[in-house]
Protein backbone atom coordinates (compact mmCIF):
# COMPACT_ATOMS: atom_id res chain seq x y z
CA MET A 1 55.89 79.49 103.48
CA ALA A 2 53.30 78.21 101.09
CA CYS A 3 51.34 76.87 104.02
CA LEU A 4 51.19 80.33 105.65
CA ILE A 5 50.07 81.92 102.36
CA SER A 6 47.37 79.26 102.07
CA HIS A 7 46.23 79.78 105.63
CA LYS A 8 46.13 83.57 105.12
CA LYS A 9 44.02 83.11 101.94
CA GLU A 10 41.64 80.84 103.80
CA THR A 11 41.26 83.41 106.65
CA GLN A 12 40.61 86.20 104.16
CA PHE A 13 38.01 84.05 102.40
CA LEU A 14 36.27 83.29 105.73
CA TRP A 15 36.12 87.00 106.72
CA GLY A 16 34.97 87.92 103.24
CA VAL A 17 32.17 85.42 103.26
CA CYS A 18 31.07 86.54 106.75
CA ALA A 19 31.07 90.15 105.62
CA VAL A 20 28.88 89.32 102.58
CA VAL A 21 26.53 87.25 104.75
CA LEU A 22 26.13 90.19 107.25
CA LYS A 23 25.41 92.61 104.43
CA GLY A 24 22.88 90.20 102.96
CA ASN A 25 24.37 90.01 99.45
CA TRP A 26 24.30 86.23 99.46
CA SER A 27 23.93 85.80 95.73
CA ASP A 28 27.46 87.18 95.25
CA LEU A 29 28.71 83.94 96.91
CA LEU A 30 27.34 81.90 93.92
CA LYS A 31 29.89 83.33 91.54
CA PRO A 32 32.05 80.50 90.13
CA GLY A 33 35.31 81.82 91.68
CA ILE A 34 33.74 82.04 95.10
CA SER A 35 31.34 79.04 95.26
CA SER A 36 34.12 76.60 94.27
CA SER A 37 36.11 77.64 97.39
CA PHE A 38 33.47 76.28 99.78
CA THR A 39 34.44 73.14 101.51
CA PRO A 40 33.03 71.30 104.59
CA THR A 41 35.99 72.69 106.58
CA THR A 42 35.42 76.31 105.49
CA MET A 43 31.69 76.00 106.02
CA ASN A 44 32.34 74.76 109.54
CA GLN A 45 34.51 77.80 110.27
CA ILE A 46 31.97 80.15 108.73
CA LEU A 47 29.15 78.68 110.90
CA LEU A 48 31.31 79.18 114.08
CA GLN A 49 31.99 82.80 113.06
CA LEU A 50 28.28 83.47 112.67
CA SER A 51 27.22 81.57 115.76
CA GLU A 52 26.53 84.60 117.86
CA ASP A 53 23.39 85.08 115.80
CA GLY A 54 21.67 81.64 115.82
CA SER A 55 18.92 82.80 113.32
CA LEU A 56 21.48 84.14 110.84
CA SER A 57 23.72 81.03 110.96
CA TRP A 58 20.69 78.69 110.57
CA ALA A 59 19.43 80.75 107.61
CA PHE A 60 22.83 80.69 105.88
CA PHE A 61 23.24 76.89 106.68
CA LYS A 62 20.06 76.18 104.84
CA TRP A 63 20.89 78.60 102.03
CA ALA A 64 24.24 77.01 101.53
CA GLU A 65 22.62 73.81 100.30
CA CYS A 66 21.97 75.47 96.97
CA ILE A 67 25.67 76.24 96.42
CA PRO A 68 26.82 74.20 93.34
CA HIS A 69 28.88 71.08 94.03
CA TYR A 70 28.71 71.65 97.81
CA LYS A 71 27.16 69.30 100.38
CA HIS A 72 27.11 69.73 104.14
CA SER A 73 29.32 67.27 105.97
CA LEU A 74 28.54 65.44 109.17
CA GLN A 75 30.86 67.88 111.02
CA SER A 76 29.03 70.99 109.67
CA ASN A 77 25.72 69.51 110.55
CA TRP A 78 26.98 68.71 114.06
CA THR A 79 28.26 72.34 114.44
CA MET A 80 24.87 73.69 113.36
CA ILE A 81 23.19 71.47 115.89
CA HIS A 82 25.41 72.83 118.62
CA ILE A 83 24.78 76.44 117.63
CA LEU A 84 20.99 75.85 117.64
CA THR A 85 21.23 74.13 121.00
CA LYS A 86 23.10 76.99 122.55
CA GLN A 87 20.61 79.45 121.17
CA LYS A 88 17.80 77.22 122.77
CA GLN A 89 16.29 76.52 119.39
CA PHE A 90 15.73 72.97 120.57
CA LYS A 91 13.05 71.84 118.16
CA THR A 92 15.03 72.89 115.13
CA ALA A 93 18.19 71.30 116.54
CA GLN A 94 16.31 68.08 117.19
CA ASN A 95 14.87 67.97 113.65
CA LEU A 96 18.30 68.39 112.13
CA LEU A 97 19.85 65.71 114.42
CA GLU A 98 17.08 63.34 113.64
CA ARG A 99 17.64 63.95 109.91
CA ILE A 100 21.32 62.86 110.11
CA ALA A 101 21.03 60.27 112.86
CA PHE A 102 19.81 57.44 110.60
CA LYS A 103 22.24 57.88 107.75
CA ASP A 104 25.66 58.79 109.16
CA PHE A 105 26.23 56.03 111.68
CA LEU A 106 26.29 58.41 114.54
CA SER A 107 26.21 55.60 117.11
CA SER A 108 29.69 54.44 116.01
CA PRO A 109 32.12 55.06 118.88
CA SER A 110 34.86 56.34 116.69
CA VAL A 111 32.56 58.87 115.00
CA LEU A 112 31.00 60.02 118.30
CA ASN A 113 34.45 60.53 119.91
CA VAL A 114 35.49 62.79 117.04
CA LEU A 115 32.22 64.84 117.19
CA ILE A 116 32.23 65.14 120.97
CA SER A 117 35.87 66.32 120.98
CA SER A 118 35.20 68.86 118.26
CA HIS A 119 32.93 70.91 120.58
CA ASN A 120 34.27 71.05 124.08
CA ASP A 121 30.93 71.99 125.68
CA PRO A 122 29.70 69.20 128.12
CA SER A 123 26.25 70.86 128.47
CA SER A 124 25.53 70.91 124.75
CA ASN A 125 27.07 67.50 124.17
CA SER A 126 25.06 66.00 126.92
CA GLN A 127 21.88 67.55 125.58
CA ILE A 128 22.53 66.45 121.95
CA LEU A 129 23.59 62.95 122.80
CA SER A 130 20.58 62.51 125.14
CA TRP A 131 18.35 63.37 122.11
CA LEU A 132 20.26 60.88 120.08
CA VAL A 133 19.62 58.14 122.69
CA ILE A 134 15.95 58.96 122.56
CA PHE A 135 15.80 58.93 118.71
CA TYR A 136 17.43 55.51 118.54
CA ALA A 137 15.55 53.96 121.48
CA GLN A 138 12.13 55.15 120.16
CA SER A 139 13.05 53.73 116.79
CA LYS A 140 13.80 50.37 118.40
CA MET A 141 17.44 50.70 117.41
CA ILE A 142 18.35 49.62 120.92
CA GLN A 143 22.01 48.61 120.18
CA ASP A 144 22.60 52.08 118.67
CA ALA A 145 20.96 53.85 121.68
CA SER A 146 23.06 51.78 124.06
CA GLN A 147 26.28 52.66 122.13
CA VAL A 148 25.55 56.30 122.38
CA PHE A 149 24.83 55.87 126.11
CA GLU A 150 28.16 54.05 126.61
CA GLN A 151 30.01 56.90 124.80
CA MET A 152 28.39 59.42 127.08
CA LYS A 153 29.62 57.40 130.08
CA THR A 154 33.11 57.11 128.60
CA ASN A 155 33.23 60.87 127.99
CA ARG A 156 31.84 61.62 131.47
CA LEU A 157 28.73 63.21 130.09
CA ARG A 158 25.60 62.84 132.18
CA PRO A 159 22.51 61.65 130.12
CA HIS A 160 19.29 63.52 130.84
CA LEU A 161 16.57 61.79 132.85
CA HIS A 162 14.18 61.55 129.90
CA ALA A 163 16.86 59.82 127.76
CA CYS A 164 17.49 57.39 130.64
CA THR A 165 13.77 56.63 130.96
CA VAL A 166 13.24 56.05 127.23
CA LEU A 167 16.33 53.86 126.94
CA LEU A 168 15.37 51.73 129.98
CA ASN A 169 11.82 51.45 128.70
CA ALA A 170 13.02 50.27 125.24
CA LEU A 171 15.20 47.60 126.88
CA VAL A 172 12.41 46.38 129.15
CA LYS A 173 9.86 46.29 126.30
CA ALA A 174 12.40 44.15 124.27
CA ARG A 175 12.65 41.82 127.29
CA LEU A 176 16.32 42.65 127.74
CA THR A 177 15.84 42.72 131.53
CA ASP A 178 19.44 41.96 132.52
CA THR A 179 20.73 44.62 130.17
CA ALA A 180 18.28 47.12 131.60
CA TRP A 181 19.53 46.52 135.13
CA LYS A 182 23.16 46.88 134.00
CA THR A 183 22.31 50.06 132.19
CA TYR A 184 20.50 51.40 135.23
CA ASN A 185 23.57 50.77 137.40
CA LYS A 186 25.84 52.54 134.79
CA MET A 187 23.33 55.49 134.91
CA LEU A 188 23.83 55.74 138.72
CA GLN A 189 27.57 55.76 138.08
CA THR A 190 27.27 58.77 135.78
CA GLY A 191 25.54 60.69 138.60
CA VAL A 192 21.85 60.26 137.37
CA VAL A 193 19.38 60.60 140.23
CA PRO A 194 16.38 58.40 139.40
CA ASN A 195 12.88 59.85 139.45
CA ILE A 196 9.37 58.32 139.57
CA HIS A 197 9.51 57.53 135.78
CA ILE A 198 12.75 55.49 135.98
CA PHE A 199 11.49 53.65 139.04
CA ASN A 200 8.19 52.84 137.28
CA VAL A 201 10.13 51.37 134.29
CA LEU A 202 12.24 49.20 136.60
CA ILE A 203 9.18 47.97 138.51
CA HIS A 204 7.60 47.10 135.15
CA ALA A 205 10.84 45.10 134.39
CA CYS A 206 10.18 43.24 137.72
CA CYS A 207 6.62 42.54 136.56
CA ASN A 208 7.84 41.09 133.25
CA SER A 209 10.28 38.81 134.96
CA GLY A 210 8.03 37.99 137.94
CA ASP A 211 10.63 39.30 140.42
CA VAL A 212 8.52 40.26 143.45
CA GLU A 213 11.42 40.64 145.82
CA ARG A 214 13.22 43.14 143.66
CA ALA A 215 10.02 45.10 143.03
CA GLU A 216 9.42 45.45 146.81
CA LYS A 217 13.06 46.62 147.24
CA LEU A 218 12.58 49.25 144.56
CA LEU A 219 9.40 50.44 146.34
CA ASN A 220 11.34 50.80 149.61
CA GLU A 221 14.13 52.61 147.78
CA MET A 222 11.65 55.02 146.30
CA GLU A 223 10.13 55.85 149.67
CA SER A 224 13.56 56.28 151.27
CA LYS A 225 14.42 58.89 148.61
CA GLY A 226 11.07 60.75 149.12
CA ILE A 227 9.65 59.64 145.78
CA PHE A 228 5.97 58.64 146.20
CA PRO A 229 4.39 55.89 144.06
CA ASP A 230 1.82 57.02 141.54
CA LEU A 231 -1.07 55.24 139.83
CA PHE A 232 1.24 53.54 137.34
CA THR A 233 3.48 52.23 140.15
CA TYR A 234 0.59 50.73 142.06
CA ASN A 235 -1.03 49.25 138.97
CA THR A 236 2.24 47.56 137.99
CA LEU A 237 2.66 46.07 141.47
CA ILE A 238 -0.91 44.83 141.51
CA SER A 239 -0.35 43.23 138.08
CA LEU A 240 2.79 41.54 139.32
CA PHE A 241 1.10 40.15 142.44
CA CYS A 242 -1.88 38.92 140.52
CA LYS A 243 0.30 37.14 137.97
CA LYS A 244 2.08 35.39 140.87
CA GLY A 245 -1.21 34.43 142.53
CA MET A 246 -0.51 36.71 145.51
CA HIS A 247 -4.07 38.03 145.90
CA TYR A 248 -3.68 39.20 149.47
CA GLU A 249 -0.66 41.38 148.54
CA ALA A 250 -2.53 42.68 145.45
CA LEU A 251 -5.54 43.75 147.55
CA ALA A 252 -3.24 45.30 150.17
CA VAL A 253 -1.72 47.50 147.45
CA GLN A 254 -5.17 48.49 146.31
CA GLU A 255 -6.19 49.44 149.84
CA ARG A 256 -2.92 51.39 150.25
CA MET A 257 -3.32 53.40 147.11
CA GLU A 258 -6.88 54.36 148.11
CA ARG A 259 -5.70 55.44 151.54
CA GLU A 260 -3.13 57.69 149.83
CA GLY A 261 -5.88 59.36 147.77
CA ILE A 262 -5.10 57.54 144.48
CA ASN A 263 -8.26 56.18 142.94
CA PRO A 264 -8.09 52.80 141.09
CA ASP A 265 -8.71 53.02 137.37
CA ILE A 266 -10.00 50.33 135.04
CA VAL A 267 -6.42 49.05 134.65
CA THR A 268 -6.32 48.33 138.44
CA TYR A 269 -9.67 46.51 138.32
CA ASN A 270 -8.73 44.58 135.18
CA SER A 271 -5.57 43.28 136.93
CA LEU A 272 -7.45 42.11 139.99
CA ILE A 273 -10.21 40.51 137.92
CA TYR A 274 -7.52 38.72 135.79
CA GLY A 275 -5.76 37.47 138.89
CA PHE A 276 -8.92 35.68 140.19
CA CYS A 277 -9.99 34.44 136.72
CA ARG A 278 -6.60 32.94 136.16
CA GLU A 279 -7.10 30.66 139.19
CA GLY A 280 -10.80 29.95 138.34
CA ARG A 281 -12.07 32.00 141.33
CA MET A 282 -14.85 33.44 139.34
CA ARG A 283 -17.04 34.45 142.35
CA GLU A 284 -14.38 36.86 143.59
CA ALA A 285 -13.66 38.08 140.08
CA LEU A 286 -17.40 38.78 139.47
CA ARG A 287 -17.62 40.63 142.86
CA PHE A 288 -14.78 42.97 141.80
CA PHE A 289 -16.53 43.47 138.47
CA ARG A 290 -19.80 44.47 140.07
CA GLU A 291 -18.05 46.79 142.57
CA ILE A 292 -16.13 48.80 139.95
CA LYS A 293 -16.47 52.45 140.79
CA GLY A 294 -15.02 55.65 139.29
CA ALA A 295 -14.20 53.73 136.07
CA ASP A 296 -16.10 52.03 133.23
CA PRO A 297 -15.57 48.33 132.35
CA ASN A 298 -14.00 48.04 128.93
CA GLN A 299 -13.47 45.37 126.36
CA VAL A 300 -10.54 43.91 128.30
CA THR A 301 -12.67 43.61 131.46
CA TYR A 302 -15.48 41.70 129.76
CA THR A 303 -13.08 39.50 127.73
CA THR A 304 -11.13 38.59 130.84
CA LEU A 305 -14.34 37.47 132.60
CA ILE A 306 -15.68 35.71 129.52
CA ASP A 307 -12.41 33.80 129.11
CA GLY A 308 -12.42 32.94 132.87
CA TYR A 309 -15.98 31.52 132.73
CA CYS A 310 -15.02 29.54 129.61
CA ARG A 311 -12.08 27.98 131.45
CA VAL A 312 -14.27 26.84 134.35
CA ASN A 313 -16.79 25.26 132.00
CA SER A 314 -19.44 28.01 132.53
CA LEU A 315 -20.28 28.78 128.90
CA GLU A 316 -23.78 29.99 129.76
CA GLU A 317 -22.39 32.71 132.02
CA ALA A 318 -19.77 33.62 129.43
CA LEU A 319 -22.39 34.12 126.75
CA SER A 320 -24.47 36.18 129.12
CA LEU A 321 -21.61 38.51 129.79
CA ARG A 322 -21.03 38.82 126.11
CA GLU A 323 -24.66 39.98 125.64
CA GLU A 324 -24.14 42.54 128.52
CA MET A 325 -20.98 43.67 126.85
CA GLU A 326 -22.75 44.32 123.56
CA THR A 327 -25.66 46.08 125.34
CA LYS A 328 -23.17 48.56 126.72
CA GLY A 329 -21.88 49.32 123.23
CA LEU A 330 -18.68 47.29 123.53
CA GLN A 331 -18.09 45.06 120.55
CA PRO A 332 -16.40 41.73 121.14
CA GLY A 333 -12.88 41.59 119.55
CA ILE A 334 -10.99 38.61 118.24
CA VAL A 335 -9.75 37.64 121.77
CA THR A 336 -13.32 37.53 123.02
CA TYR A 337 -14.41 35.35 120.18
CA ASN A 338 -11.46 33.07 120.54
CA SER A 339 -12.23 32.39 124.17
CA ILE A 340 -15.85 31.27 123.32
CA LEU A 341 -14.70 29.43 120.25
CA ARG A 342 -12.16 27.41 122.21
CA LYS A 343 -14.86 26.34 124.74
CA LEU A 344 -17.34 25.36 121.96
CA CYS A 345 -14.58 23.29 120.32
CA GLU A 346 -13.63 21.58 123.56
CA GLU A 347 -17.25 20.51 123.98
CA GLY A 348 -17.16 19.13 120.39
CA ASN A 349 -19.87 21.60 119.26
CA THR A 350 -18.38 22.44 115.86
CA ARG A 351 -21.80 23.55 114.50
CA ALA A 352 -22.05 26.37 117.13
CA ALA A 353 -18.35 27.09 116.43
CA ASN A 354 -19.10 27.60 112.69
CA ASN A 355 -22.06 29.80 113.55
CA LEU A 356 -19.75 31.93 115.67
CA LEU A 357 -17.32 32.15 112.74
CA ASN A 358 -20.21 33.34 110.49
CA GLU A 359 -20.98 36.01 113.08
CA MET A 360 -17.36 37.13 113.14
CA SER A 361 -17.40 37.40 109.38
CA GLU A 362 -20.65 39.48 109.47
CA LYS A 363 -19.04 41.83 112.05
CA LYS A 364 -15.77 41.95 110.05
CA VAL A 365 -13.77 40.49 112.88
CA GLU A 366 -10.79 38.82 111.13
CA PRO A 367 -9.75 35.32 112.41
CA ASP A 368 -6.18 35.05 113.67
CA ASN A 369 -3.79 32.18 114.20
CA VAL A 370 -5.50 31.31 117.52
CA THR A 371 -8.89 31.05 115.80
CA CYS A 372 -7.60 28.80 113.01
CA ASN A 373 -5.52 26.62 115.30
CA THR A 374 -8.44 26.16 117.69
CA LEU A 375 -10.63 24.93 114.77
CA ILE A 376 -7.92 22.73 113.28
CA ASN A 377 -7.28 21.15 116.64
CA ALA A 378 -10.95 20.52 117.15
CA TYR A 379 -11.37 18.81 113.80
CA CYS A 380 -8.14 16.81 114.25
CA LYS A 381 -9.54 15.47 117.62
CA LYS A 382 -12.66 14.37 115.71
CA SER A 383 -10.50 12.77 113.04
CA ASP A 384 -12.12 15.13 110.48
CA MET A 385 -8.90 15.88 108.57
CA VAL A 386 -10.75 17.13 105.49
CA SER A 387 -12.25 19.99 107.49
CA ALA A 388 -8.98 20.56 109.33
CA TRP A 389 -7.11 20.86 105.96
CA ARG A 390 -9.81 23.20 104.67
CA VAL A 391 -9.18 25.55 107.62
CA ARG A 392 -5.48 25.39 106.85
CA ILE A 393 -6.07 26.48 103.26
CA LYS A 394 -8.31 29.34 104.37
CA MET A 395 -5.68 30.31 106.89
CA LEU A 396 -3.04 30.67 104.09
CA GLU A 397 -5.46 32.42 101.77
CA GLY A 398 -6.18 34.91 104.52
CA GLY A 399 -2.47 35.86 104.76
CA LEU A 400 -1.81 34.02 108.05
CA THR A 401 1.34 32.01 108.57
CA LEU A 402 1.33 28.44 109.95
CA ASP A 403 2.95 28.25 113.30
CA GLN A 404 4.20 25.38 115.37
CA PHE A 405 0.79 24.86 116.89
CA THR A 406 -0.75 24.46 113.43
CA PHE A 407 1.81 21.92 112.45
CA LYS A 408 1.54 20.02 115.73
CA ALA A 409 -2.23 19.72 115.55
CA LEU A 410 -2.20 18.50 111.88
CA ILE A 411 0.65 16.01 112.48
CA HIS A 412 -1.26 14.58 115.43
CA GLY A 413 -4.44 14.40 113.44
CA PHE A 414 -2.93 12.54 110.44
CA CYS A 415 -1.06 10.14 112.72
CA LYS A 416 -4.32 9.44 114.50
CA VAL A 417 -6.06 8.50 111.16
CA GLN A 418 -2.97 6.54 110.09
CA GLU A 419 -2.22 8.85 107.13
CA MET A 420 1.52 8.69 107.84
CA ASP A 421 2.84 10.02 104.58
CA LYS A 422 0.97 13.23 105.11
CA ALA A 423 2.07 13.43 108.76
CA LYS A 424 5.70 12.95 107.71
CA LYS A 425 5.38 15.61 105.01
CA LEU A 426 4.13 18.05 107.59
CA LEU A 427 7.08 17.23 109.81
CA PHE A 428 9.42 18.16 106.97
CA ASP A 429 7.39 21.29 106.30
CA MET A 430 7.59 22.18 110.01
CA LEU A 431 11.37 21.85 109.99
CA ASP A 432 11.61 23.87 106.71
CA ALA A 433 9.65 26.59 108.39
CA GLY A 434 12.30 26.82 111.16
CA PHE A 435 10.34 25.10 113.94
CA SER A 436 11.86 22.44 116.22
CA PRO A 437 9.42 19.54 116.69
CA SER A 438 8.95 18.56 120.36
CA TYR A 439 9.23 15.03 121.82
CA SER A 440 5.49 14.59 121.41
CA VAL A 441 5.57 15.18 117.58
CA TYR A 442 8.13 12.36 117.12
CA SER A 443 6.12 10.22 119.57
CA TRP A 444 2.98 10.55 117.37
CA LEU A 445 4.87 9.53 114.28
CA ILE A 446 6.49 6.57 116.03
CA ASP A 447 3.15 5.41 117.47
CA GLY A 448 1.62 5.68 113.97
CA TYR A 449 4.36 3.71 112.26
CA CYS A 450 4.50 1.07 115.01
CA ASN A 451 0.70 0.69 115.01
CA GLN A 452 1.05 -0.16 111.26
CA LYS A 453 3.98 -2.42 112.10
CA ASN A 454 6.18 -0.29 109.87
CA GLU A 455 9.37 -0.04 111.81
CA ASP A 456 11.46 0.47 108.71
CA SER A 457 9.90 3.96 108.27
CA VAL A 458 11.01 4.86 111.76
CA LEU A 459 14.59 3.71 111.01
CA ARG A 460 14.62 5.58 107.69
CA LEU A 461 13.35 8.86 109.22
CA PRO A 462 16.80 10.32 110.27
CA ASP A 463 18.26 9.73 106.86
CA GLU A 464 15.24 11.19 105.12
CA LEU A 465 15.68 14.38 107.15
CA VAL A 466 19.34 14.60 106.13
CA GLU A 467 18.41 14.01 102.48
CA ARG A 468 16.19 17.07 102.66
CA GLY A 469 19.12 19.14 103.85
CA LEU A 470 17.84 19.23 107.37
CA SER A 471 20.12 19.03 110.39
CA VAL A 472 19.73 15.83 112.46
CA ASP A 473 21.36 16.14 115.98
CA ILE A 474 21.08 14.31 119.20
CA SER A 475 17.56 15.75 119.90
CA VAL A 476 15.98 13.76 117.00
CA TYR A 477 17.58 10.45 118.02
CA ARG A 478 16.81 11.12 121.72
CA ALA A 479 13.10 11.60 120.91
CA LEU A 480 12.92 8.42 118.71
CA ILE A 481 14.80 6.23 121.28
CA ARG A 482 12.81 7.55 124.22
CA ARG A 483 9.46 6.87 122.63
CA LEU A 484 10.48 3.40 121.40
CA CYS A 485 11.65 2.49 124.88
CA LYS A 486 8.40 3.82 126.35
CA ARG A 487 6.60 1.49 123.89
CA GLU A 488 8.90 -1.27 125.00
CA ASN A 489 10.14 -1.73 121.47
CA ILE A 490 13.68 -2.31 122.59
CA GLU A 491 14.91 -3.94 119.34
CA CYS A 492 14.02 -0.90 117.24
CA ALA A 493 15.29 1.53 119.86
CA GLN A 494 18.68 -0.34 119.88
CA LYS A 495 18.82 -0.13 116.05
CA ILE A 496 18.31 3.67 116.18
CA PHE A 497 20.94 3.87 118.88
CA SER A 498 23.40 1.96 116.61
CA LEU A 499 22.55 4.18 113.68
CA MET A 500 23.16 7.25 115.84
CA GLN A 501 26.56 6.00 116.97
CA GLY A 502 27.45 5.12 113.37
CA LYS A 503 26.89 8.80 112.49
CA GLY A 504 29.36 9.78 115.21
CA ILE A 505 26.71 11.20 117.51
CA CYS A 506 27.14 10.27 121.16
CA GLY A 507 24.12 9.54 123.37
CA ASP A 508 23.27 11.72 126.28
CA THR A 509 21.97 10.90 129.78
CA ILE A 510 18.31 10.61 128.55
CA VAL A 511 19.27 8.21 125.77
CA TYR A 512 21.20 5.91 128.08
CA THR A 513 18.72 5.94 130.94
CA SER A 514 15.83 5.32 128.56
CA LEU A 515 17.55 2.24 127.15
CA ALA A 516 18.79 1.06 130.52
CA TYR A 517 15.28 1.25 132.01
CA ALA A 518 13.76 -0.53 129.04
CA TYR A 519 16.27 -3.34 129.32
CA LEU A 520 15.58 -3.63 133.07
CA LYS A 521 11.86 -3.87 132.57
CA ALA A 522 12.44 -6.54 129.87
CA GLY A 523 14.51 -8.55 132.27
CA LYS A 524 17.75 -7.95 130.23
CA LEU A 525 19.96 -7.17 133.20
CA THR A 526 23.28 -7.55 131.32
CA ALA A 527 22.30 -5.07 128.59
CA ALA A 528 21.06 -2.60 131.23
CA SER A 529 24.28 -2.94 133.21
CA GLU A 530 26.31 -2.15 130.02
CA MET A 531 24.29 1.03 129.66
CA PHE A 532 25.02 2.05 133.21
CA ASP A 533 28.69 1.22 132.78
CA ASP A 534 28.89 3.39 129.69
CA MET A 535 27.30 6.23 131.53
CA ALA A 536 29.87 5.95 134.35
CA LYS A 537 32.73 6.01 131.79
CA ARG A 538 31.34 9.04 130.12
CA LYS A 539 30.42 10.68 133.45
CA LEU A 540 26.80 11.22 132.43
CA MET A 541 24.80 12.24 135.55
CA ILE A 542 21.15 12.20 136.24
CA THR A 543 19.95 15.79 137.06
CA PRO A 544 16.94 16.75 139.22
CA LYS A 545 14.90 17.53 136.03
CA ILE A 546 15.63 13.98 134.58
CA TYR A 547 14.80 12.43 138.03
CA ASP A 548 11.44 14.17 138.15
CA SER A 549 10.65 13.25 134.51
CA PHE A 550 11.47 9.63 135.08
CA ASN A 551 9.33 9.38 138.19
CA ALA A 552 6.40 10.97 136.31
CA SER A 553 6.81 8.84 133.19
CA TYR A 554 7.14 5.53 135.00
CA ALA A 555 4.95 6.10 138.01
CA ASP A 556 3.04 2.92 137.36
CA ASP A 557 6.17 0.73 137.32
CA SER A 558 7.10 1.15 141.05
CA ASP A 559 9.07 -2.08 141.31
CA VAL A 560 11.14 -1.52 138.14
CA LEU A 561 11.60 2.09 138.98
CA ARG A 562 12.91 1.19 142.45
CA LEU A 563 15.38 -1.21 140.90
CA PHE A 564 16.48 1.35 138.40
CA TRP A 565 17.28 3.99 141.11
CA ASP A 566 19.15 1.38 143.13
CA HIS A 567 21.45 0.70 140.12
CA VAL A 568 22.12 4.33 139.29
CA VAL A 569 22.80 5.29 142.97
CA GLU A 570 25.08 2.29 143.40
CA ARG A 571 27.14 3.40 140.41
CA GLY A 572 27.18 7.14 141.50
CA LEU A 573 25.28 8.32 138.45
CA VAL A 574 23.12 10.85 140.24
CA MET A 575 23.87 14.49 141.27
CA LYS A 576 23.90 15.29 144.98
CA LYS A 577 20.66 17.34 144.56
CA VAL A 578 19.04 14.15 143.29
CA LEU A 579 20.15 12.19 146.37
CA ASN A 580 18.54 14.88 148.51
CA LEU A 581 15.33 14.44 146.60
CA MET A 582 15.39 10.68 147.20
CA LEU A 583 15.58 11.08 150.93
């Protein structure tokens, strides 16, 4: 009975508020006895009652924010968005949705299910959730966008084409190619019919992954559906073919687009020029450059050519193009300068490189990591570690962060001049910065210590890494053992191997094969045989990658290499694919 009375009072309150709103005497609702009765639930009901007049409900919704001790709930916001959407006040609805999208966890499946079920209107729900997908995707909140999309699919709501395009594009830009294809297949399951924009995003995904076959299938699928490629489609295909070195196919696409009345733009020409420059075919690249029509060469065009000429050792032509570029009012950017700087450094012309840096400073072109790494590498090659270190200091002062290339160049340089303490300190810094040193980094350190006949430092290195709180796994021991074996320092390699085993770390195929080969070359057949036997017990197999690496590393030791392969084949330590390679 009390429940019925309460419900009756609530109904009377709702009708009373609506009457006051319609009469326009809204200030009466601020009286203490009335304002305290407003709750998110009653507000939601009032908005629904006023929904026939979208402008009135929206005005009241905004006015209600001044009611003391009252705050709109997620549900009342959602109701207002629905009302605005039905009234086709899309911009206002989108603004309100965007306002709440980033603070109320709207992408949560449990929240979305409640909101969707509260308004049984598939059309409005589809529209609003499509906007939500767009908001999240454009804000790079890809997981949230995907969750909303999944809830639409679960609730049999068809996402709008624009939302599909934006979501797929976000996935492709984030290099989540597999997820993009899965999402596309789910879109088809919801009844989405792809248009030119969706196909273009998918072809762009193929370009990112270098998947020519799939791109051609998409093109055929487009044509079978009566969807004609546009300039973006053709440019993406040309870019893909050029990256794969498929120049004939790229030129065929260009001819086709022109036959269909689509004129190439500068993006088309830049892709074709890049394709030829990439392979050092500068004559063809320059011919395309001179034949550009209906478009103006831009900074990318000239920079691509300048970089191409630098890579084929034609610095004079590169500098001539830079002059032409500036004559046309196009100022070289950091990428242009980096290409020329790299070539000057390769030639050992550090004086000209410094002059170029001064020019960059005058033109307010800020150096980047590539600039600094190029200079550091050049100084390290000349064993001028004072200058290399000076560039590192300027790099940090300029707000740049040392990357793995900076560390590698400096470690190599200090190892080269036998300043091993500095090289080791840089290795520690490199690891502290979150970078994983490659085999070559450890090789330089080992070479440096061994050249100083300081094998104890090599043996201490793993423990020193541990003392600094750094993780030492099989990769570190593998690199040390592999390089020591390459240097034919078997005794030290065996000591590292014993230390590794003492730490409970088991050797892998590369560790065992490196030691076995070193023993064979030293004529220690028994020790080599023990290594092969241990491999067989642990079922460590030689893969095609290891096979190719061994043949490349020991190409000069044909007799030992032949004996090595005889042993591993006899013991069945190679995969079937390796046997096929041996035939």
